[in-house]
Amino acid sequence: MRLRLVLWGSLLTLQVLATAFPPEAIAPAVAGSVYLPLMALRAVGLPVFGRAESGGWPGPSPLGWILVATFWAAVWWGVVSLAGRLARGPSGGSESKSA
């Protein structure tokens, strides 16, 4: 479980760093990783965008940032859980004994 938390924390840290300081080569993908979840949440009526200047894209609202962080935390947890399950193999790591 400790390894899972370390991997999860590492992936979240990389996501935060890429969002805060996006390398120019992957900047469109980083913007998509923020705006695509927000667009889906806006479609269901959540106020995830702040006010936009005329002709510009609105930035995420505080609620939007919280929901993006929650979304990516869940995605990376799923990735780490799946990797752990695949690494354990078909036995599942624990044998159940029947009485």
PDB file of N, CA and C in Angstrom:
ATOM      1  N   MET A   1       0.829  -1.196   0.000  1.00  0.00           N
ATOM      2  CA  MET A   1       0.000   0.000   0.000  1.00  0.00           C
ATOM      3  C   MET A   1       0.874   1.261   0.000  1.00  0.00           C
ATOM      4  N   ARG A   2       2.017   1.177   0.684  1.00  0.00           N
ATOM      5  CA  ARG A   2       2.898   2.344   0.743  1.00  0.00           C
ATOM      6  C   ARG A   2       3.421   2.697  -0.647  1.00  0.00           C
ATOM      7  N   LEU A   3       3.806   1.685  -1.418  1.00  0.00           N
ATOM      8  CA  LEU A   3       4.292   1.932  -2.775  1.00  0.00           C
ATOM      9  C   LEU A   3       3.195   2.574  -3.621  1.00  0.00           C
ATOM     10  N   ARG A   4       1.969   2.115  -3.444  1.00  0.00           N
ATOM     11  CA  ARG A   4       0.840   2.685  -4.189  1.00  0.00           C
ATOM     12  C   ARG A   4       0.684   4.171  -3.868  1.00  0.00           C
ATOM     13  N   LEU A   5       0.801   4.531  -2.594  1.00  0.00           N
ATOM     14  CA  LEU A   5       0.674   5.942  -2.209  1.00  0.00           C
ATOM     15  C   LEU A   5       1.826   6.783  -2.757  1.00  0.00           C
ATOM     16  N   VAL A   6       3.029   6.227  -2.759  1.00  0.00           N
ATOM     17  CA  VAL A   6       4.189   6.955  -3.295  1.00  0.00           C
ATOM     18  C   VAL A   6       4.019   7.196  -4.794  1.00  0.00           C
ATOM     19  N   LEU A   7       3.612   6.158  -5.514  1.00  0.00           N
ATOM     20  CA  LEU A   7       3.391   6.318  -6.959  1.00  0.00           C
ATOM     21  C   LEU A   7       2.273   7.312  -7.239  1.00  0.00           C
ATOM     22  N   TRP A   8       1.191   7.210  -6.491  1.00  0.00           N
ATOM     23  CA  TRP A   8       0.061   8.124  -6.664  1.00  0.00           C
ATOM     24  C   TRP A   8       0.490   9.566  -6.386  1.00  0.00           C
ATOM     25  N   GLY A   9       1.215   9.773  -5.293  1.00  0.00           N
ATOM     26  CA  GLY A   9       1.703  11.109  -4.966  1.00  0.00           C
ATOM     27  C   GLY A   9       2.652  11.650  -6.025  1.00  0.00           C
ATOM     28  N   SER A  10       3.483  10.775  -6.577  1.00  0.00           N
ATOM     29  CA  SER A  10       4.410  11.197  -7.635  1.00  0.00           C
ATOM     30  C   SER A  10       3.664  11.626  -8.892  1.00  0.00           C
ATOM     31  N   LEU A  11       2.663  10.842  -9.287  1.00  0.00           N
ATOM     32  CA  LEU A  11       1.882  11.201 -10.474  1.00  0.00           C
ATOM     33  C   LEU A  11       1.103  12.497 -10.260  1.00  0.00           C
ATOM     34  N   LEU A  12       0.537  12.672  -9.067  1.00  0.00           N
ATOM     35  CA  LEU A  12      -0.172  13.925  -8.777  1.00  0.00           C
ATOM     36  C   LEU A  12       0.777  15.117  -8.793  1.00  0.00           C
ATOM     37  N   THR A  13       1.970  14.932  -8.245  1.00  0.00           N
ATOM     38  CA  THR A  13       2.965  16.010  -8.241  1.00  0.00           C
ATOM     39  C   THR A  13       3.351  16.391  -9.663  1.00  0.00           C
ATOM     40  N   LEU A  14       3.568  15.397 -10.514  1.00  0.00           N
ATOM     41  CA  LEU A  14       3.889  15.689 -11.915  1.00  0.00           C
ATOM     42  C   LEU A  14       2.737  16.418 -12.605  1.00  0.00           C
ATOM     43  N   GLN A  15       1.497  16.026 -12.303  1.00  0.00           N
ATOM     44  CA  GLN A  15       0.327  16.696 -12.887  1.00  0.00           C
ATOM     45  C   GLN A  15       0.267  18.159 -12.442  1.00  0.00           C
ATOM     46  N   VAL A  16       0.482  18.396 -11.153  1.00  0.00           N
ATOM     47  CA  VAL A  16       0.446  19.771 -10.632  1.00  0.00           C
ATOM     48  C   VAL A  16       1.568  20.605 -11.242  1.00  0.00           C
ATOM     49  N   LEU A  17       2.769  20.048 -11.319  1.00  0.00           N
ATOM     50  CA  LEU A  17       3.889  20.791 -11.902  1.00  0.00           C
ATOM     51  C   LEU A  17       3.658  21.083 -13.379  1.00  0.00           C
ATOM     52  N   ALA A  18       3.118  20.115 -14.110  1.00  0.00           N
ATOM     53  CA  ALA A  18       2.838  20.344 -15.533  1.00  0.00           C
ATOM     54  C   ALA A  18       1.751  21.391 -15.712  1.00  0.00           C
ATOM     55  N   THR A  19       0.801  21.450 -14.784  1.00  0.00           N
ATOM     56  CA  THR A  19      -0.263  22.453 -14.874  1.00  0.00           C
ATOM     57  C   THR A  19       0.248  23.837 -14.482  1.00  0.00           C
ATOM     58  N   ALA A  20       1.076  23.899 -13.444  1.00  0.00           N
ATOM     59  CA  ALA A  20       1.590  25.189 -12.978  1.00  0.00           C
ATOM     60  C   ALA A  20       2.678  25.745 -13.901  1.00  0.00           C
ATOM     61  N   PHE A  21       3.524  24.871 -14.421  1.00  0.00           N
ATOM     62  CA  PHE A  21       4.639  25.282 -15.278  1.00  0.00           C
ATOM     63  C   PHE A  21       4.658  24.419 -16.537  1.00  0.00           C
ATOM     64  N   PRO A  22       3.696  24.624 -17.440  1.00  0.00           N
ATOM     65  CA  PRO A  22       3.599  23.717 -18.594  1.00  0.00           C
ATOM     66  C   PRO A  22       4.760  23.896 -19.572  1.00  0.00           C
ATOM     67  N   PRO A  23       5.447  22.800 -19.908  1.00  0.00           N
ATOM     68  CA  PRO A  23       6.455  22.880 -20.968  1.00  0.00           C
ATOM     69  C   PRO A  23       5.762  23.221 -22.285  1.00  0.00           C
ATOM     70  N   GLU A  24       6.405  24.049 -23.080  1.00  0.00           N
ATOM     71  CA  GLU A  24       5.764  24.532 -24.305  1.00  0.00           C
ATOM     72  C   GLU A  24       5.370  23.396 -25.248  1.00  0.00           C
ATOM     73  N   ALA A  25       6.146  22.331 -25.254  1.00  0.00           N
ATOM     74  CA  ALA A  25       5.862  21.224 -26.172  1.00  0.00           C
ATOM     75  C   ALA A  25       4.547  20.517 -25.847  1.00  0.00           C
ATOM     76  N   ILE A  26       4.161  20.495 -24.571  1.00  0.00           N
ATOM     77  CA  ILE A  26       2.928  19.793 -24.197  1.00  0.00           C
ATOM     78  C   ILE A  26       1.857  20.733 -23.648  1.00  0.00           C
ATOM     79  N   ALA A  27       2.034  22.032 -23.840  1.00  0.00           N
ATOM     80  CA  ALA A  27       1.078  23.008 -23.301  1.00  0.00           C
ATOM     81  C   ALA A  27      -0.360  22.765 -23.763  1.00  0.00           C
ATOM     82  N   PRO A  28      -0.615  22.435 -25.031  1.00  0.00           N
ATOM     83  CA  PRO A  28      -2.011  22.161 -25.419  1.00  0.00           C
ATOM     84  C   PRO A  28      -2.611  20.962 -24.682  1.00  0.00           C
ATOM     85  N   ALA A  29      -1.820  19.930 -24.451  1.00  0.00           N
ATOM     86  CA  ALA A  29      -2.322  18.762 -23.717  1.00  0.00           C
ATOM     87  C   ALA A  29      -2.605  19.115 -22.262  1.00  0.00           C
ATOM     88  N   VAL A  30      -1.757  19.954 -21.675  1.00  0.00           N
ATOM     89  CA  VAL A  30      -1.973  20.381 -20.291  1.00  0.00           C
ATOM     90  C   VAL A  30      -3.248  21.211 -20.197  1.00  0.00           C
ATOM     91  N   ALA A  31      -3.441  22.121 -21.142  1.00  0.00           N
ATOM     92  CA  ALA A  31      -4.676  22.918 -21.142  1.00  0.00           C
ATOM     93  C   ALA A  31      -5.893  22.018 -21.309  1.00  0.00           C
ATOM     94  N   GLY A  32      -5.778  21.019 -22.158  1.00  0.00           N
ATOM     95  CA  GLY A  32      -6.879  20.074 -22.331  1.00  0.00           C
ATOM     96  C   GLY A  32      -7.163  19.286 -21.073  1.00  0.00           C
ATOM     97  N   SER A  33      -6.120  18.976 -20.313  1.00  0.00           N
ATOM     98  CA  SER A  33      -6.323  18.215 -19.079  1.00  0.00           C
ATOM     99  C   SER A  33      -7.063  19.032 -18.029  1.00  0.00           C
ATOM    100  N   VAL A  34      -7.060  20.344 -18.175  1.00  0.00           N
ATOM    101  CA  VAL A  34      -7.829  21.203 -17.269  1.00  0.00           C
ATOM    102  C   VAL A  34      -9.213  21.477 -17.845  1.00  0.00           C
ATOM    103  N   TYR A  35      -9.263  21.890 -19.108  1.00  0.00           N
ATOM    104  CA  TYR A  35     -10.532  22.354 -19.674  1.00  0.00           C
ATOM    105  C   TYR A  35     -11.501  21.242 -20.063  1.00  0.00           C
ATOM    106  N   LEU A  36     -11.023  20.082 -20.491  1.00  0.00           N
ATOM    107  CA  LEU A  36     -11.957  19.021 -20.890  1.00  0.00           C
ATOM    108  C   LEU A  36     -12.815  18.523 -19.730  1.00  0.00           C
ATOM    109  N   PRO A  37     -12.238  18.235 -18.548  1.00  0.00           N
ATOM    110  CA  PRO A  37     -13.123  17.866 -17.436  1.00  0.00           C
ATOM    111  C   PRO A  37     -14.071  19.001 -17.048  1.00  0.00           C
ATOM    112  N   LEU A  38     -13.581  20.244 -17.136  1.00  0.00           N
ATOM    113  CA  LEU A  38     -14.436  21.377 -16.768  1.00  0.00           C
ATOM    114  C   LEU A  38     -15.596  21.552 -17.739  1.00  0.00           C
ATOM    115  N   MET A  39     -15.350  21.317 -19.014  1.00  0.00           N
ATOM    116  CA  MET A  39     -16.437  21.447 -19.992  1.00  0.00           C
ATOM    117  C   MET A  39     -17.527  20.416 -19.735  1.00  0.00           C
ATOM    118  N   ALA A  40     -17.128  19.206 -19.373  1.00  0.00           N
ATOM    119  CA  ALA A  40     -18.125  18.178 -19.051  1.00  0.00           C
ATOM    120  C   ALA A  40     -18.911  18.567 -17.801  1.00  0.00           C
ATOM    121  N   LEU A  41     -18.228  19.110 -16.810  1.00  0.00           N
ATOM    122  CA  LEU A  41     -18.913  19.511 -15.579  1.00  0.00           C
ATOM    123  C   LEU A  41     -19.811  20.725 -15.803  1.00  0.00           C
ATOM    124  N   ARG A  42     -19.389  21.614 -16.692  1.00  0.00           N
ATOM    125  CA  ARG A  42     -20.230  22.771 -17.004  1.00  0.00           C
ATOM    126  C   ARG A  42     -21.504  22.327 -17.724  1.00  0.00           C
ATOM    127  N   ALA A  43     -21.395  21.277 -18.531  1.00  0.00           N
ATOM    128  CA  ALA A  43     -22.559  20.770 -19.264  1.00  0.00           C
ATOM    129  C   ALA A  43     -23.649  20.267 -18.321  1.00  0.00           C
ATOM    130  N   VAL A  44     -23.262  19.838 -17.123  1.00  0.00           N
ATOM    131  CA  VAL A  44     -24.271  19.402 -16.152  1.00  0.00           C
ATOM    132  C   VAL A  44     -24.704  20.537 -15.231  1.00  0.00           C
ATOM    133  N   GLY A  45     -24.207  21.742 -15.489  1.00  0.00           N
ATOM    134  CA  GLY A  45     -24.700  22.919 -14.785  1.00  0.00           C
ATOM    135  C   GLY A  45     -23.869  23.413 -13.616  1.00  0.00           C
ATOM    136  N   LEU A  46     -22.672  22.885 -13.419  1.00  0.00           N
ATOM    137  CA  LEU A  46     -21.840  23.361 -12.314  1.00  0.00           C
ATOM    138  C   LEU A  46     -21.101  24.640 -12.723  1.00  0.00           C
ATOM    139  N   PRO A  47     -20.991  25.606 -11.811  1.00  0.00           N
ATOM    140  CA  PRO A  47     -20.301  26.867 -12.133  1.00  0.00           C
ATOM    141  C   PRO A  47     -18.784  26.715 -12.003  1.00  0.00           C
ATOM    142  N   VAL A  48     -18.158  26.089 -12.975  1.00  0.00           N
ATOM    143  CA  VAL A  48     -16.737  25.762 -12.879  1.00  0.00           C
ATOM    144  C   VAL A  48     -15.826  26.794 -13.544  1.00  0.00           C
ATOM    145  N   PHE A  49     -16.393  27.763 -14.241  1.00  0.00           N
ATOM    146  CA  PHE A  49     -15.586  28.801 -14.882  1.00  0.00           C
ATOM    147  C   PHE A  49     -15.810  30.140 -14.196  1.00  0.00           C
ATOM    148  N   GLY A  50     -14.727  30.934 -14.115  1.00  0.00           N
ATOM    149  CA  GLY A  50     -14.834  32.290 -13.602  1.00  0.00           C
ATOM    150  C   GLY A  50     -15.275  33.223 -14.720  1.00  0.00           C
ATOM    151  N   ARG A  51     -15.216  34.500 -14.444  1.00  0.00           N
ATOM    152  CA  ARG A  51     -15.581  35.488 -15.466  1.00  0.00           C
ATOM    153  C   ARG A  51     -14.446  35.634 -16.467  1.00  0.00           C
ATOM    154  N   ALA A  52     -14.815  35.774 -17.738  1.00  0.00           N
ATOM    155  CA  ALA A  52     -13.814  35.913 -18.797  1.00  0.00           C
ATOM    156  C   ALA A  52     -13.791  37.347 -19.295  1.00  0.00           C
ATOM    157  N   GLU A  53     -12.603  37.786 -19.650  1.00  0.00           N
ATOM    158  CA  GLU A  53     -12.507  39.073 -20.319  1.00  0.00           C
ATOM    159  C   GLU A  53     -13.104  38.911 -21.706  1.00  0.00           C
ATOM    160  N   SER A  54     -13.518  40.007 -22.287  1.00  0.00           N
ATOM    161  CA  SER A  54     -14.154  39.956 -23.597  1.00  0.00           C
ATOM    162  C   SER A  54     -13.230  39.296 -24.616  1.00  0.00           C
ATOM    163  N   GLY A  55     -13.716  38.239 -25.244  1.00  0.00           N
ATOM    164  CA  GLY A  55     -12.955  37.563 -26.279  1.00  0.00           C
ATOM    165  C   GLY A  55     -11.956  36.542 -25.776  1.00  0.00           C
ATOM    166  N   GLY A  56     -11.907  36.312 -24.474  1.00  0.00           N
ATOM    167  CA  GLY A  56     -10.935  35.357 -23.944  1.00  0.00           C
ATOM    168  C   GLY A  56     -11.586  34.133 -23.334  1.00  0.00           C
ATOM    169  N   TRP A  57     -10.770  33.141 -23.052  1.00  0.00           N
ATOM    170  CA  TRP A  57     -11.260  31.942 -22.380  1.00  0.00           C
ATOM    171  C   TRP A  57     -11.356  32.234 -20.892  1.00  0.00           C
ATOM    172  N   PRO A  58     -12.433  31.810 -20.270  1.00  0.00           N
ATOM    173  CA  PRO A  58     -12.519  32.022 -18.821  1.00  0.00           C
ATOM    174  C   PRO A  58     -11.598  31.051 -18.090  1.00  0.00           C
ATOM    175  N   GLY A  59     -11.039  31.528 -17.002  1.00  0.00           N
ATOM    176  CA  GLY A  59     -10.244  30.637 -16.167  1.00  0.00           C
ATOM    177  C   GLY A  59     -11.153  29.823 -15.262  1.00  0.00           C
ATOM    178  N   PRO A  60     -10.637  28.748 -14.714  1.00  0.00           N
ATOM    179  CA  PRO A  60     -11.448  27.959 -13.791  1.00  0.00           C
ATOM    180  C   PRO A  60     -11.765  28.749 -12.521  1.00  0.00           C
ATOM    181  N   SER A  61     -12.955  28.545 -11.998  1.00  0.00           N
ATOM    182  CA  SER A  61     -13.337  29.133 -10.716  1.00  0.00           C
ATOM    183  C   SER A  61     -12.679  28.302  -9.609  1.00  0.00           C
ATOM    184  N   PRO A  62     -12.739  28.773  -8.359  1.00  0.00           N
ATOM    185  CA  PRO A  62     -12.198  27.938  -7.271  1.00  0.00           C
ATOM    186  C   PRO A  62     -12.837  26.542  -7.234  1.00  0.00           C
ATOM    187  N   LEU A  63     -14.152  26.471  -7.450  1.00  0.00           N
ATOM    188  CA  LEU A  63     -14.812  25.168  -7.519  1.00  0.00           C
ATOM    189  C   LEU A  63     -14.255  24.352  -8.682  1.00  0.00           C
ATOM    190  N   GLY A  64     -14.003  25.004  -9.806  1.00  0.00           N
ATOM    191  CA  GLY A  64     -13.443  24.314 -10.964  1.00  0.00           C
ATOM    192  C   GLY A  64     -12.085  23.704 -10.664  1.00  0.00           C
ATOM    193  N   TRP A  65     -11.220  24.460  -9.980  1.00  0.00           N
ATOM    194  CA  TRP A  65      -9.897  23.930  -9.639  1.00  0.00           C
ATOM    195  C   TRP A  65     -10.014  22.744  -8.691  1.00  0.00           C
ATOM    196  N   ILE A  66     -10.920  22.836  -7.730  1.00  0.00           N
ATOM    197  CA  ILE A  66     -11.112  21.726  -6.785  1.00  0.00           C
ATOM    198  C   ILE A  66     -11.583  20.479  -7.527  1.00  0.00           C
ATOM    199  N   LEU A  67     -12.526  20.654  -8.446  1.00  0.00           N
ATOM    200  CA  LEU A  67     -13.052  19.507  -9.190  1.00  0.00           C
ATOM    201  C   LEU A  67     -12.021  18.922 -10.153  1.00  0.00           C
ATOM    202  N   VAL A  68     -11.197  19.774 -10.766  1.00  0.00           N
ATOM    203  CA  VAL A  68     -10.125  19.264 -11.639  1.00  0.00           C
ATOM    204  C   VAL A  68      -9.120  18.464 -10.809  1.00  0.00           C
ATOM    205  N   ALA A  69      -8.754  18.993  -9.644  1.00  0.00           N
ATOM    206  CA  ALA A  69      -7.813  18.272  -8.779  1.00  0.00           C
ATOM    207  C   ALA A  69      -8.399  16.938  -8.330  1.00  0.00           C
ATOM    208  N   THR A  70      -9.675  16.931  -7.980  1.00  0.00           N
ATOM    209  CA  THR A  70     -10.334  15.688  -7.567  1.00  0.00           C
ATOM    210  C   THR A  70     -10.401  14.697  -8.721  1.00  0.00           C
ATOM    211  N   PHE A  71     -10.724  15.189  -9.905  1.00  0.00           N
ATOM    212  CA  PHE A  71     -10.796  14.335 -11.090  1.00  0.00           C
ATOM    213  C   PHE A  71      -9.461  13.649 -11.347  1.00  0.00           C
ATOM    214  N   TRP A  72      -8.378  14.438 -11.377  1.00  0.00           N
ATOM    215  CA  TRP A  72      -7.076  13.849 -11.684  1.00  0.00           C
ATOM    216  C   TRP A  72      -6.563  12.980 -10.549  1.00  0.00           C
ATOM    217  N   ALA A  73      -6.894  13.308  -9.306  1.00  0.00           N
ATOM    218  CA  ALA A  73      -6.521  12.427  -8.194  1.00  0.00           C
ATOM    219  C   ALA A  73      -7.181  11.064  -8.369  1.00  0.00           C
ATOM    220  N   ALA A  74      -8.448  11.051  -8.770  1.00  0.00           N
ATOM    221  CA  ALA A  74      -9.160   9.785  -8.991  1.00  0.00           C
ATOM    222  C   ALA A  74      -8.589   9.034 -10.194  1.00  0.00           C
ATOM    223  N   VAL A  75      -8.277   9.756 -11.263  1.00  0.00           N
ATOM    224  CA  VAL A  75      -7.703   9.102 -12.448  1.00  0.00           C
ATOM    225  C   VAL A  75      -6.368   8.447 -12.100  1.00  0.00           C
ATOM    226  N   TRP A  76      -5.485   9.178 -11.429  1.00  0.00           N
ATOM    227  CA  TRP A  76      -4.171   8.620 -11.110  1.00  0.00           C
ATOM    228  C   TRP A  76      -4.280   7.495 -10.092  1.00  0.00           C
ATOM    229  N   TRP A  77      -5.244   7.568  -9.165  1.00  0.00           N
ATOM    230  CA  TRP A  77      -5.455   6.467  -8.224  1.00  0.00           C
ATOM    231  C   TRP A  77      -5.879   5.212  -8.995  1.00  0.00           C
ATOM    232  N   GLY A  78      -6.748   5.390  -9.969  1.00  0.00           N
ATOM    233  CA  GLY A  78      -7.171   4.259 -10.796  1.00  0.00           C
ATOM    234  C   GLY A  78      -6.020   3.658 -11.580  1.00  0.00           C
ATOM    235  N   VAL A  79      -5.156   4.502 -12.124  1.00  0.00           N
ATOM    236  CA  VAL A  79      -3.992   4.015 -12.882  1.00  0.00           C
ATOM    237  C   VAL A  79      -3.067   3.210 -11.975  1.00  0.00           C
ATOM    238  N   VAL A  80      -2.782   3.744 -10.792  1.00  0.00           N
ATOM    239  CA  VAL A  80      -1.889   3.050  -9.860  1.00  0.00           C
ATOM    240  C   VAL A  80      -2.528   1.749  -9.369  1.00  0.00           C
ATOM    241  N   SER A  81      -3.817   1.766  -9.102  1.00  0.00           N
ATOM    242  CA  SER A  81      -4.509   0.549  -8.662  1.00  0.00           C
ATOM    243  C   SER A  81      -4.488  -0.522  -9.748  1.00  0.00           C
ATOM    244  N   LEU A  82      -4.732  -0.117 -10.976  1.00  0.00           N
ATOM    245  CA  LEU A  82      -4.700  -1.068 -12.088  1.00  0.00           C
ATOM    246  C   LEU A  82      -3.297  -1.634 -12.278  1.00  0.00           C
ATOM    247  N   ALA A  83      -2.284  -0.779 -12.197  1.00  0.00           N
ATOM    248  CA  ALA A  83      -0.902  -1.252 -12.333  1.00  0.00           C
ATOM    249  C   ALA A  83      -0.559  -2.231 -11.214  1.00  0.00           C
ATOM    250  N   GLY A  84      -1.012  -1.946 -10.009  1.00  0.00           N
ATOM    251  CA  GLY A  84      -0.767  -2.859  -8.894  1.00  0.00           C
ATOM    252  C   GLY A  84      -1.463  -4.190  -9.086  1.00  0.00           C
ATOM    253  N   ARG A  85      -2.678  -4.144  -9.584  1.00  0.00           N
ATOM    254  CA  ARG A  85      -3.429  -5.380  -9.830  1.00  0.00           C
ATOM    255  C   ARG A  85      -2.751  -6.212 -10.920  1.00  0.00           C
ATOM    256  N   LEU A  86      -2.287  -5.552 -11.973  1.00  0.00           N
ATOM    257  CA  LEU A  86      -1.599  -6.275 -13.048  1.00  0.00           C
ATOM    258  C   LEU A  86      -0.259  -6.838 -12.577  1.00  0.00           C
ATOM    259  N   ALA A  87       0.423  -6.121 -11.702  1.00  0.00           N
ATOM    260  CA  ALA A  87       1.720  -6.573 -11.204  1.00  0.00           C
ATOM    261  C   ALA A  87       1.581  -7.779 -10.279  1.00  0.00           C
ATOM    262  N   ARG A  88       0.473  -7.871  -9.562  1.00  0.00           N
ATOM    263  CA  ARG A  88       0.254  -9.010  -8.663  1.00  0.00           C
ATOM    264  C   ARG A  88      -0.015 -10.295  -9.420  1.00  0.00           C
ATOM    265  N   GLY A  89      -0.561 -10.179 -10.597  1.00  0.00           N
ATOM    266  CA  GLY A  89      -0.846 -11.370 -11.391  1.00  0.00           C
ATOM    267  C   GLY A  89      -2.225 -11.936 -11.104  1.00  0.00           C
ATOM    268  N   PRO A  90      -2.516 -13.101 -11.688  1.00  0.00           N
ATOM    269  CA  PRO A  90      -3.864 -13.663 -11.589  1.00  0.00           C
ATOM    270  C   PRO A  90      -4.238 -14.168 -10.202  1.00  0.00           C
ATOM    271  N   SER A  91      -3.264 -14.474  -9.335  1.00  0.00           N
ATOM    272  CA  SER A  91      -3.602 -15.009  -8.015  1.00  0.00           C
ATOM    273  C   SER A  91      -4.163 -13.940  -7.096  1.00  0.00           C
ATOM    274  N   GLY A  92      -3.901 -12.678  -7.378  1.00  0.00           N
ATOM    275  CA  GLY A  92      -4.437 -11.594  -6.556  1.00  0.00           C
ATOM    276  C   GLY A  92      -3.619 -11.305  -5.319  1.00  0.00           C
ATOM    277  N   GLY A  93      -2.550 -12.047  -5.090  1.00  0.00           N
ATOM    278  CA  GLY A  93      -1.671 -11.741  -3.974  1.00  0.00           C
ATOM    279  C   GLY A  93      -2.107 -12.339  -2.650  1.00  0.00           C
ATOM    280  N   SER A  94      -3.349 -12.750  -2.496  1.00  0.00           N
ATOM    281  CA  SER A  94      -3.794 -13.344  -1.240  1.00  0.00           C
ATOM    282  C   SER A  94      -4.638 -14.572  -1.545  1.00  0.00           C
ATOM    283  N   GLU A  95      -4.287 -15.632  -0.919  1.00  0.00           N
ATOM    284  CA  GLU A  95      -5.011 -16.887  -1.102  1.00  0.00           C
ATOM    285  C   GLU A  95      -6.091 -16.984  -0.037  1.00  0.00           C
ATOM    286  N   SER A  96      -7.292 -17.339  -0.412  1.00  0.00           N
ATOM    287  CA  SER A  96      -8.344 -17.542   0.579  1.00  0.00           C
ATOM    288  C   SER A  96      -8.452 -19.031   0.857  1.00  0.00           C
ATOM    289  N   LYS A  97      -8.490 -19.348   2.120  1.00  0.00           N
ATOM    290  CA  LYS A  97      -8.572 -20.751   2.516  1.00  0.00           C
ATOM    291  C   LYS A  97     -10.021 -21.090   2.812  1.00  0.00           C
ATOM    292  N   SER A  98     -10.494 -22.157   2.222  1.00  0.00           N
ATOM    293  CA  SER A  98     -11.864 -22.577   2.499  1.00  0.00           C
ATOM    294  C   SER A  98     -11.856 -23.614   3.613  1.00  0.00           C
ATOM    295  N   ALA A  99     -12.865 -23.562   4.447  1.00  0.00           N
ATOM    296  CA  ALA A  99     -12.926 -24.456   5.610  1.00  0.00           C
ATOM    297  C   ALA A  99     -13.406 -25.823   5.271  1.00  0.00           C
TER     298      ALA A  99
END
